[in-house]
N, C-alpha and C. Protein backbone atom coordinates (compact mmCIF):
# COMPACT_ATOMS: atom_id res chain seq x y z
N MET A 1 -18.96 -42.22 31.80
CA MET A 1 -18.65 -40.90 31.28
C MET A 1 -19.13 -40.79 29.85
N ARG A 2 -19.71 -39.66 29.59
CA ARG A 2 -20.17 -39.41 28.23
C ARG A 2 -19.10 -38.62 27.49
N PRO A 3 -18.83 -38.98 26.27
CA PRO A 3 -17.84 -38.20 25.50
C PRO A 3 -18.41 -36.84 25.15
N LYS A 4 -17.52 -35.86 25.10
CA LYS A 4 -17.96 -34.52 24.75
C LYS A 4 -18.08 -34.42 23.23
N ILE A 5 -19.28 -34.15 22.80
CA ILE A 5 -19.55 -34.03 21.37
C ILE A 5 -19.93 -32.59 21.10
N ALA A 6 -19.33 -32.04 20.08
CA ALA A 6 -19.63 -30.66 19.72
C ALA A 6 -21.08 -30.57 19.26
N LYS A 7 -21.78 -29.56 19.74
CA LYS A 7 -23.18 -29.39 19.38
C LYS A 7 -23.32 -28.44 18.19
N LYS A 8 -22.49 -28.65 17.21
CA LYS A 8 -22.53 -27.81 16.02
C LYS A 8 -23.08 -28.64 14.88
N ALA A 9 -23.57 -27.95 13.89
CA ALA A 9 -24.06 -28.62 12.69
C ALA A 9 -22.88 -29.32 12.02
N PRO A 10 -23.15 -30.40 11.29
CA PRO A 10 -22.06 -31.18 10.71
C PRO A 10 -21.14 -30.39 9.78
N GLY A 11 -21.67 -29.48 9.00
CA GLY A 11 -20.83 -28.74 8.06
C GLY A 11 -20.36 -27.39 8.56
N GLU A 12 -20.65 -27.06 9.82
CA GLU A 12 -20.31 -25.73 10.32
C GLU A 12 -18.80 -25.51 10.39
N ARG A 13 -18.07 -26.53 10.84
CA ARG A 13 -16.61 -26.39 10.88
C ARG A 13 -16.03 -26.28 9.47
N LEU A 14 -16.63 -27.03 8.56
CA LEU A 14 -16.18 -26.98 7.17
C LEU A 14 -16.37 -25.58 6.59
N VAL A 15 -17.51 -24.98 6.87
CA VAL A 15 -17.79 -23.64 6.35
C VAL A 15 -16.88 -22.61 7.01
N LYS A 16 -16.59 -22.78 8.30
CA LYS A 16 -15.71 -21.82 8.99
C LYS A 16 -14.31 -21.84 8.41
N ARG A 17 -13.83 -23.01 8.05
CA ARG A 17 -12.48 -23.14 7.51
C ARG A 17 -12.38 -22.72 6.04
N MET A 18 -13.52 -22.63 5.38
CA MET A 18 -13.54 -22.32 3.96
C MET A 18 -13.05 -20.89 3.71
N PRO A 19 -12.23 -20.69 2.69
CA PRO A 19 -11.77 -19.32 2.40
C PRO A 19 -12.91 -18.44 1.90
N LEU A 20 -12.74 -17.13 2.06
CA LEU A 20 -13.79 -16.19 1.67
C LEU A 20 -14.13 -16.28 0.18
N ARG A 21 -13.13 -16.52 -0.63
CA ARG A 21 -13.38 -16.60 -2.08
C ARG A 21 -14.35 -17.74 -2.40
N THR A 22 -14.17 -18.89 -1.77
CA THR A 22 -15.05 -20.03 -2.01
C THR A 22 -16.46 -19.73 -1.51
N LYS A 23 -16.55 -19.11 -0.33
CA LYS A 23 -17.87 -18.74 0.20
C LYS A 23 -18.57 -17.78 -0.75
N TRP A 24 -17.81 -16.82 -1.27
CA TRP A 24 -18.38 -15.84 -2.18
C TRP A 24 -18.93 -16.50 -3.44
N ILE A 25 -18.15 -17.40 -4.03
CA ILE A 25 -18.59 -18.06 -5.26
C ILE A 25 -19.82 -18.92 -5.01
N LEU A 26 -19.81 -19.69 -3.91
CA LEU A 26 -20.95 -20.56 -3.61
C LEU A 26 -22.22 -19.75 -3.33
N CYS A 27 -22.09 -18.68 -2.54
CA CYS A 27 -23.27 -17.86 -2.22
C CYS A 27 -23.81 -17.15 -3.45
N ALA A 28 -22.93 -16.66 -4.29
CA ALA A 28 -23.38 -15.96 -5.50
C ALA A 28 -24.11 -16.92 -6.43
N ALA A 29 -23.54 -18.10 -6.63
CA ALA A 29 -24.19 -19.07 -7.52
C ALA A 29 -25.53 -19.53 -6.96
N ALA A 30 -25.56 -19.86 -5.66
CA ALA A 30 -26.81 -20.29 -5.04
C ALA A 30 -27.85 -19.18 -5.07
N GLY A 31 -27.42 -17.95 -4.84
CA GLY A 31 -28.36 -16.83 -4.86
C GLY A 31 -28.98 -16.61 -6.23
N ILE A 32 -28.16 -16.67 -7.26
CA ILE A 32 -28.68 -16.47 -8.62
C ILE A 32 -29.66 -17.59 -8.98
N LEU A 33 -29.30 -18.84 -8.64
CA LEU A 33 -30.19 -19.97 -8.95
C LEU A 33 -31.51 -19.87 -8.18
N LEU A 34 -31.44 -19.59 -6.89
CA LEU A 34 -32.67 -19.48 -6.09
C LEU A 34 -33.55 -18.33 -6.56
N PHE A 35 -32.93 -17.21 -6.86
CA PHE A 35 -33.71 -16.05 -7.31
C PHE A 35 -34.41 -16.35 -8.63
N GLY A 36 -33.68 -16.93 -9.57
CA GLY A 36 -34.28 -17.27 -10.86
C GLY A 36 -35.37 -18.32 -10.74
N PHE A 37 -35.13 -19.36 -9.95
CA PHE A 37 -36.13 -20.42 -9.77
C PHE A 37 -37.37 -19.86 -9.07
N GLY A 38 -37.16 -18.99 -8.07
CA GLY A 38 -38.30 -18.38 -7.37
C GLY A 38 -39.15 -17.53 -8.29
N LEU A 39 -38.50 -16.78 -9.17
CA LEU A 39 -39.27 -15.97 -10.13
C LEU A 39 -40.07 -16.84 -11.09
N SER A 40 -39.49 -17.96 -11.50
CA SER A 40 -40.23 -18.84 -12.41
C SER A 40 -41.42 -19.48 -11.70
N VAL A 41 -41.27 -19.80 -10.41
CA VAL A 41 -42.39 -20.38 -9.66
C VAL A 41 -43.49 -19.33 -9.48
N VAL A 42 -43.10 -18.08 -9.24
CA VAL A 42 -44.09 -17.01 -9.08
C VAL A 42 -44.85 -16.82 -10.40
N THR A 43 -44.16 -16.85 -11.53
CA THR A 43 -44.86 -16.69 -12.82
C THR A 43 -45.77 -17.88 -13.10
N THR A 44 -45.36 -19.09 -12.66
CA THR A 44 -46.22 -20.27 -12.83
C THR A 44 -47.48 -20.10 -11.98
N ALA A 45 -47.32 -19.57 -10.76
CA ALA A 45 -48.48 -19.35 -9.90
C ALA A 45 -49.41 -18.31 -10.52
N ALA A 46 -48.83 -17.27 -11.11
CA ALA A 46 -49.66 -16.25 -11.76
C ALA A 46 -50.39 -16.85 -12.96
N PHE A 47 -49.72 -17.73 -13.70
CA PHE A 47 -50.35 -18.38 -14.84
C PHE A 47 -51.51 -19.26 -14.38
N LYS A 48 -51.34 -20.01 -13.27
CA LYS A 48 -52.39 -20.87 -12.72
C LYS A 48 -53.57 -20.03 -12.24
N LYS A 49 -53.28 -18.85 -11.68
CA LYS A 49 -54.36 -17.97 -11.24
C LYS A 49 -55.16 -17.50 -12.45
N GLY A 50 -54.45 -17.21 -13.53
CA GLY A 50 -55.12 -16.77 -14.75
C GLY A 50 -55.96 -17.86 -15.37
N MET A 51 -55.62 -19.12 -15.12
CA MET A 51 -56.37 -20.26 -15.66
C MET A 51 -57.53 -20.63 -14.73
N ASN A 52 -57.78 -19.84 -13.71
CA ASN A 52 -58.87 -20.06 -12.74
C ASN A 52 -58.77 -21.40 -12.03
N GLU A 53 -57.56 -21.75 -11.57
CA GLU A 53 -57.40 -22.97 -10.79
C GLU A 53 -57.80 -22.66 -9.35
N ALA A 54 -57.79 -23.65 -8.51
CA ALA A 54 -58.20 -23.50 -7.13
C ALA A 54 -57.27 -22.50 -6.41
N PHE A 55 -57.86 -21.78 -5.47
CA PHE A 55 -57.14 -20.73 -4.76
C PHE A 55 -55.91 -21.27 -4.05
N TYR A 56 -56.07 -22.36 -3.31
CA TYR A 56 -54.95 -22.85 -2.51
C TYR A 56 -53.77 -23.28 -3.38
N ILE A 57 -54.00 -23.71 -4.61
CA ILE A 57 -52.90 -24.16 -5.48
C ILE A 57 -52.04 -22.97 -5.89
N TRP A 58 -52.65 -21.95 -6.48
CA TRP A 58 -51.84 -20.83 -6.95
C TRP A 58 -51.31 -19.99 -5.80
N PHE A 59 -52.05 -19.93 -4.68
CA PHE A 59 -51.58 -19.17 -3.53
C PHE A 59 -50.33 -19.80 -2.93
N LEU A 60 -50.39 -21.10 -2.66
CA LEU A 60 -49.24 -21.79 -2.07
C LEU A 60 -48.05 -21.80 -3.03
N LEU A 61 -48.34 -21.96 -4.33
CA LEU A 61 -47.26 -21.93 -5.31
C LEU A 61 -46.60 -20.54 -5.36
N GLY A 62 -47.41 -19.50 -5.32
CA GLY A 62 -46.90 -18.13 -5.32
C GLY A 62 -46.11 -17.83 -4.05
N LEU A 63 -46.62 -18.31 -2.91
CA LEU A 63 -45.92 -18.13 -1.64
C LEU A 63 -44.57 -18.84 -1.66
N TYR A 64 -44.55 -20.06 -2.18
CA TYR A 64 -43.30 -20.81 -2.30
C TYR A 64 -42.32 -20.08 -3.22
N GLY A 65 -42.83 -19.52 -4.31
CA GLY A 65 -41.97 -18.77 -5.24
C GLY A 65 -41.40 -17.52 -4.60
N LEU A 66 -42.22 -16.80 -3.83
CA LEU A 66 -41.72 -15.60 -3.15
C LEU A 66 -40.67 -15.95 -2.09
N ILE A 67 -40.87 -17.06 -1.39
CA ILE A 67 -39.87 -17.49 -0.40
C ILE A 67 -38.55 -17.81 -1.09
N LEU A 68 -38.61 -18.52 -2.22
CA LEU A 68 -37.38 -18.85 -2.95
C LEU A 68 -36.70 -17.59 -3.49
N THR A 69 -37.51 -16.64 -3.96
CA THR A 69 -36.95 -15.39 -4.48
C THR A 69 -36.24 -14.61 -3.36
N SER A 70 -36.88 -14.54 -2.20
CA SER A 70 -36.26 -13.81 -1.10
C SER A 70 -35.01 -14.53 -0.59
N LEU A 71 -35.02 -15.86 -0.56
CA LEU A 71 -33.81 -16.61 -0.18
C LEU A 71 -32.67 -16.36 -1.17
N GLY A 72 -33.03 -16.26 -2.44
CA GLY A 72 -32.01 -15.96 -3.45
C GLY A 72 -31.40 -14.58 -3.21
N LEU A 73 -32.25 -13.62 -2.85
CA LEU A 73 -31.73 -12.27 -2.57
C LEU A 73 -30.84 -12.27 -1.33
N VAL A 74 -31.23 -13.05 -0.32
CA VAL A 74 -30.41 -13.14 0.89
C VAL A 74 -29.04 -13.75 0.56
N CYS A 75 -29.03 -14.81 -0.24
CA CYS A 75 -27.76 -15.43 -0.63
C CYS A 75 -26.90 -14.46 -1.43
N LEU A 76 -27.52 -13.69 -2.32
CA LEU A 76 -26.76 -12.68 -3.08
C LEU A 76 -26.20 -11.61 -2.15
N GLY A 77 -26.97 -11.24 -1.14
CA GLY A 77 -26.49 -10.26 -0.17
C GLY A 77 -25.28 -10.79 0.60
N GLN A 78 -25.33 -12.07 0.97
CA GLN A 78 -24.19 -12.69 1.66
C GLN A 78 -22.97 -12.74 0.73
N ALA A 79 -23.21 -13.00 -0.55
CA ALA A 79 -22.11 -13.02 -1.51
C ALA A 79 -21.45 -11.65 -1.60
N VAL A 80 -22.27 -10.60 -1.60
CA VAL A 80 -21.72 -9.24 -1.63
C VAL A 80 -20.91 -8.98 -0.36
N ARG A 81 -21.42 -9.45 0.76
CA ARG A 81 -20.71 -9.28 2.04
C ARG A 81 -19.34 -9.97 2.00
N PHE A 82 -19.32 -11.21 1.51
CA PHE A 82 -18.04 -11.93 1.43
C PHE A 82 -17.07 -11.23 0.48
N ARG A 83 -17.61 -10.70 -0.62
CA ARG A 83 -16.74 -10.00 -1.57
C ARG A 83 -16.15 -8.74 -0.92
N LEU A 84 -16.96 -8.01 -0.17
CA LEU A 84 -16.45 -6.82 0.52
C LEU A 84 -15.38 -7.20 1.55
N LEU A 85 -15.60 -8.28 2.27
CA LEU A 85 -14.60 -8.73 3.24
C LEU A 85 -13.29 -9.10 2.54
N MET A 86 -13.40 -9.73 1.37
CA MET A 86 -12.19 -10.06 0.61
C MET A 86 -11.43 -8.79 0.23
N ASP A 87 -12.17 -7.79 -0.27
CA ASP A 87 -11.52 -6.55 -0.67
C ASP A 87 -10.89 -5.83 0.51
N ILE A 88 -11.60 -5.80 1.62
CA ILE A 88 -11.09 -5.13 2.82
C ILE A 88 -9.83 -5.84 3.32
N ASN A 89 -9.87 -7.18 3.34
CA ASN A 89 -8.69 -7.93 3.79
C ASN A 89 -7.49 -7.67 2.88
N LYS A 90 -7.76 -7.57 1.59
CA LYS A 90 -6.67 -7.30 0.64
C LYS A 90 -6.04 -5.94 0.92
N LYS A 91 -6.89 -4.93 1.12
CA LYS A 91 -6.37 -3.58 1.41
C LYS A 91 -5.63 -3.56 2.75
N MET A 92 -6.18 -4.23 3.74
CA MET A 92 -5.54 -4.25 5.06
C MET A 92 -4.17 -4.93 4.98
N ASN A 93 -4.07 -6.00 4.21
CA ASN A 93 -2.79 -6.69 4.07
C ASN A 93 -1.76 -5.79 3.40
N LYS A 94 -2.20 -5.02 2.39
CA LYS A 94 -1.28 -4.08 1.74
C LYS A 94 -0.80 -3.03 2.74
N GLN A 95 -1.73 -2.46 3.49
CA GLN A 95 -1.37 -1.44 4.47
C GLN A 95 -0.45 -2.02 5.55
N GLU A 96 -0.72 -3.25 5.94
CA GLU A 96 0.11 -3.89 6.97
C GLU A 96 1.53 -4.08 6.46
N LYS A 97 1.67 -4.49 5.20
CA LYS A 97 3.01 -4.66 4.62
C LYS A 97 3.74 -3.33 4.53
N GLU A 98 3.02 -2.27 4.11
CA GLU A 98 3.64 -0.94 4.03
C GLU A 98 4.09 -0.47 5.41
N LEU A 99 3.25 -0.68 6.42
CA LEU A 99 3.62 -0.28 7.77
C LEU A 99 4.82 -1.07 8.27
N ALA A 100 4.88 -2.35 7.93
CA ALA A 100 6.02 -3.16 8.35
C ALA A 100 7.31 -2.63 7.71
N LYS A 101 7.23 -2.23 6.45
CA LYS A 101 8.41 -1.65 5.79
C LYS A 101 8.83 -0.36 6.47
N GLN A 102 7.85 0.51 6.78
CA GLN A 102 8.17 1.77 7.44
C GLN A 102 8.77 1.53 8.82
N ILE A 103 8.24 0.55 9.53
CA ILE A 103 8.77 0.24 10.86
C ILE A 103 10.20 -0.26 10.75
N LYS A 104 10.49 -1.09 9.74
CA LYS A 104 11.86 -1.56 9.54
C LYS A 104 12.80 -0.39 9.28
N LYS A 105 12.33 0.56 8.43
CA LYS A 105 13.16 1.74 8.14
C LYS A 105 13.41 2.53 9.41
N LEU A 106 12.36 2.75 10.19
CA LEU A 106 12.50 3.52 11.43
C LEU A 106 13.40 2.80 12.42
N ASN A 107 13.28 1.49 12.51
CA ASN A 107 14.16 0.74 13.41
C ASN A 107 15.61 0.87 12.98
N HIS A 108 15.83 0.82 11.67
CA HIS A 108 17.20 0.96 11.16
C HIS A 108 17.74 2.35 11.48
N LEU A 109 16.91 3.37 11.24
CA LEU A 109 17.33 4.74 11.56
C LEU A 109 17.60 4.89 13.06
N GLY A 110 16.76 4.28 13.88
CA GLY A 110 16.96 4.34 15.32
C GLY A 110 18.28 3.70 15.73
N GLU A 111 18.61 2.58 15.09
CA GLU A 111 19.88 1.92 15.40
C GLU A 111 21.05 2.80 14.99
N VAL A 112 20.93 3.44 13.83
CA VAL A 112 22.01 4.31 13.36
C VAL A 112 22.20 5.47 14.33
N LEU A 113 21.10 6.09 14.75
CA LEU A 113 21.19 7.21 15.69
C LEU A 113 21.77 6.76 17.04
N ARG A 114 21.33 5.59 17.51
CA ARG A 114 21.86 5.08 18.77
C ARG A 114 23.36 4.82 18.67
N ASN A 115 23.78 4.29 17.53
CA ASN A 115 25.22 4.04 17.34
C ASN A 115 26.00 5.35 17.35
N LYS A 116 25.45 6.39 16.71
CA LYS A 116 26.13 7.70 16.71
C LYS A 116 26.21 8.25 18.12
N GLU A 117 25.11 8.16 18.86
CA GLU A 117 25.10 8.66 20.23
C GLU A 117 26.08 7.87 21.10
N ASP A 118 26.12 6.56 20.90
CA ASP A 118 27.06 5.74 21.67
C ASP A 118 28.50 6.14 21.38
N LYS A 119 28.79 6.42 20.12
CA LYS A 119 30.14 6.84 19.76
C LYS A 119 30.49 8.17 20.40
N LYS A 120 29.53 9.11 20.42
CA LYS A 120 29.76 10.40 21.05
C LYS A 120 30.04 10.22 22.54
N VAL A 121 29.26 9.38 23.18
CA VAL A 121 29.44 9.14 24.61
C VAL A 121 30.81 8.50 24.86
N GLU A 122 31.21 7.57 24.01
CA GLU A 122 32.52 6.94 24.16
C GLU A 122 33.64 7.96 24.00
N LYS A 123 33.51 8.87 23.03
CA LYS A 123 34.53 9.90 22.83
C LYS A 123 34.64 10.80 24.05
N LYS A 124 33.47 11.19 24.61
CA LYS A 124 33.48 12.03 25.80
C LYS A 124 34.15 11.31 26.96
N GLU A 125 33.86 10.02 27.11
CA GLU A 125 34.48 9.25 28.19
C GLU A 125 35.98 9.14 27.99
N GLU A 126 36.40 8.96 26.74
CA GLU A 126 37.84 8.87 26.45
C GLU A 126 38.52 10.19 26.80
N LYS A 127 37.88 11.32 26.46
CA LYS A 127 38.46 12.62 26.79
C LYS A 127 38.57 12.79 28.30
N LYS A 128 37.55 12.36 29.03
CA LYS A 128 37.60 12.46 30.48
C LYS A 128 38.71 11.60 31.04
N ASP A 129 38.85 10.40 30.48
CA ASP A 129 39.91 9.51 30.94
C ASP A 129 41.29 10.11 30.65
N ASP A 130 41.43 10.75 29.47
CA ASP A 130 42.70 11.37 29.13
C ASP A 130 43.02 12.50 30.10
N ARG A 131 42.04 13.27 30.47
CA ARG A 131 42.26 14.39 31.40
C ARG A 131 42.61 13.88 32.78
N LYS A 132 42.00 12.78 33.18
CA LYS A 132 42.30 12.23 34.50
C LYS A 132 43.72 11.68 34.55
N GLY A 133 44.16 11.15 33.43
CA GLY A 133 45.51 10.61 33.38
C GLY A 133 46.56 11.70 33.43
N LYS A 134 46.28 12.90 32.98
CA LYS A 134 47.23 14.02 32.95
C LYS A 134 46.61 15.21 33.68
N PRO A 135 46.69 15.22 35.00
CA PRO A 135 46.01 16.27 35.77
C PRO A 135 46.68 17.63 35.66
N ASN A 136 47.96 17.72 35.38
CA ASN A 136 48.65 19.00 35.35
C ASN A 136 48.52 19.70 33.99
N GLN A 137 47.87 19.08 33.10
CA GLN A 137 47.75 19.66 31.78
C GLN A 137 46.74 20.80 31.81
N ARG A 138 47.14 21.96 31.25
CA ARG A 138 46.24 23.11 31.21
C ARG A 138 45.90 23.42 29.77
N LYS A 139 44.84 24.19 29.63
CA LYS A 139 44.48 24.63 28.29
C LYS A 139 45.48 25.69 27.85
N VAL A 140 45.57 25.91 26.56
CA VAL A 140 46.56 26.82 26.00
C VAL A 140 46.31 28.26 26.44
N ASN A 141 45.09 28.70 26.42
CA ASN A 141 44.77 30.10 26.73
C ASN A 141 44.62 30.34 28.23
N GLU A 142 44.71 29.32 29.00
CA GLU A 142 44.47 29.46 30.42
C GLU A 142 45.73 30.01 31.10
N LYS A 143 45.56 31.05 31.90
CA LYS A 143 46.69 31.65 32.64
C LYS A 143 46.88 30.90 33.94
N PRO A 144 48.12 30.80 34.37
CA PRO A 144 48.35 30.11 35.64
C PRO A 144 47.76 30.91 36.80
N LYS A 145 47.21 30.21 37.72
CA LYS A 145 46.61 30.88 38.88
C LYS A 145 47.72 31.21 39.87
N VAL A 146 47.68 32.46 40.31
CA VAL A 146 48.67 32.90 41.29
C VAL A 146 47.94 33.11 42.59
N GLU A 147 48.49 32.49 43.63
CA GLU A 147 47.86 32.64 44.93
C GLU A 147 48.32 33.96 45.54
N LYS A 148 47.42 34.65 46.12
CA LYS A 148 47.76 35.93 46.77
C LYS A 148 48.45 35.64 48.09
N GLN A 149 49.56 36.28 48.24
CA GLN A 149 50.28 36.12 49.50
C GLN A 149 49.97 37.31 50.39
N GLU A 150 49.88 37.02 51.64
CA GLU A 150 49.58 38.10 52.57
C GLU A 150 50.83 38.95 52.79
N ASN A 151 50.60 40.21 52.86
CA ASN A 151 51.71 41.13 53.13
C ASN A 151 52.03 41.03 54.63
N PRO A 152 53.29 40.69 55.00
CA PRO A 152 53.60 40.51 56.40
C PRO A 152 53.52 41.80 57.20
N ALA A 153 53.60 42.91 56.54
CA ALA A 153 53.56 44.18 57.27
C ALA A 153 52.16 44.50 57.72
N THR A 154 51.18 43.99 57.05
CA THR A 154 49.82 44.34 57.40
C THR A 154 49.19 43.41 58.41
N THR A 155 49.81 42.34 58.67
CA THR A 155 49.21 41.42 59.63
C THR A 155 49.49 41.87 61.03
N ASP A 156 48.60 41.64 61.88
CA ASP A 156 48.75 42.02 63.27
C ASP A 156 49.23 40.83 64.05
N GLU A 157 50.52 40.83 64.23
CA GLU A 157 51.03 39.74 65.06
C GLU A 157 51.53 40.36 66.34
N VAL A 158 51.19 39.81 67.36
CA VAL A 158 51.62 40.36 68.63
C VAL A 158 52.49 39.40 69.35
């Protein structure tokens, strides 16, 4: 059996675990250094061209300088990206905390309302229980019901 080995670059896990702030600082520093070094190589190539050196020397030196300059710009772009992600995460965390506070308030209000409703329901049930216990009790304004009796003279009994 062959052991399972991750097919990732050696530092890839290290970079993934690295916080955004560290990535931002490293990319910004590397980008500034590469950009500056690339510009100096390009100026050296231009100086060699002015001194009428061989074509391949100043051309390859200039090409190398342009590659370094563009790599520096790419690193600076990544640094800007990491900085934006940091800012966005900061804002999202603030909004998340505010929403959590609002949810806590709403949950508390919901509990208060539920407790009030429960108390109302309990009072209604108590009133119903009281009425069931005393069936002959009438309301104060209620008149007693009188059953109509049939007049014996009007009935047809044979």
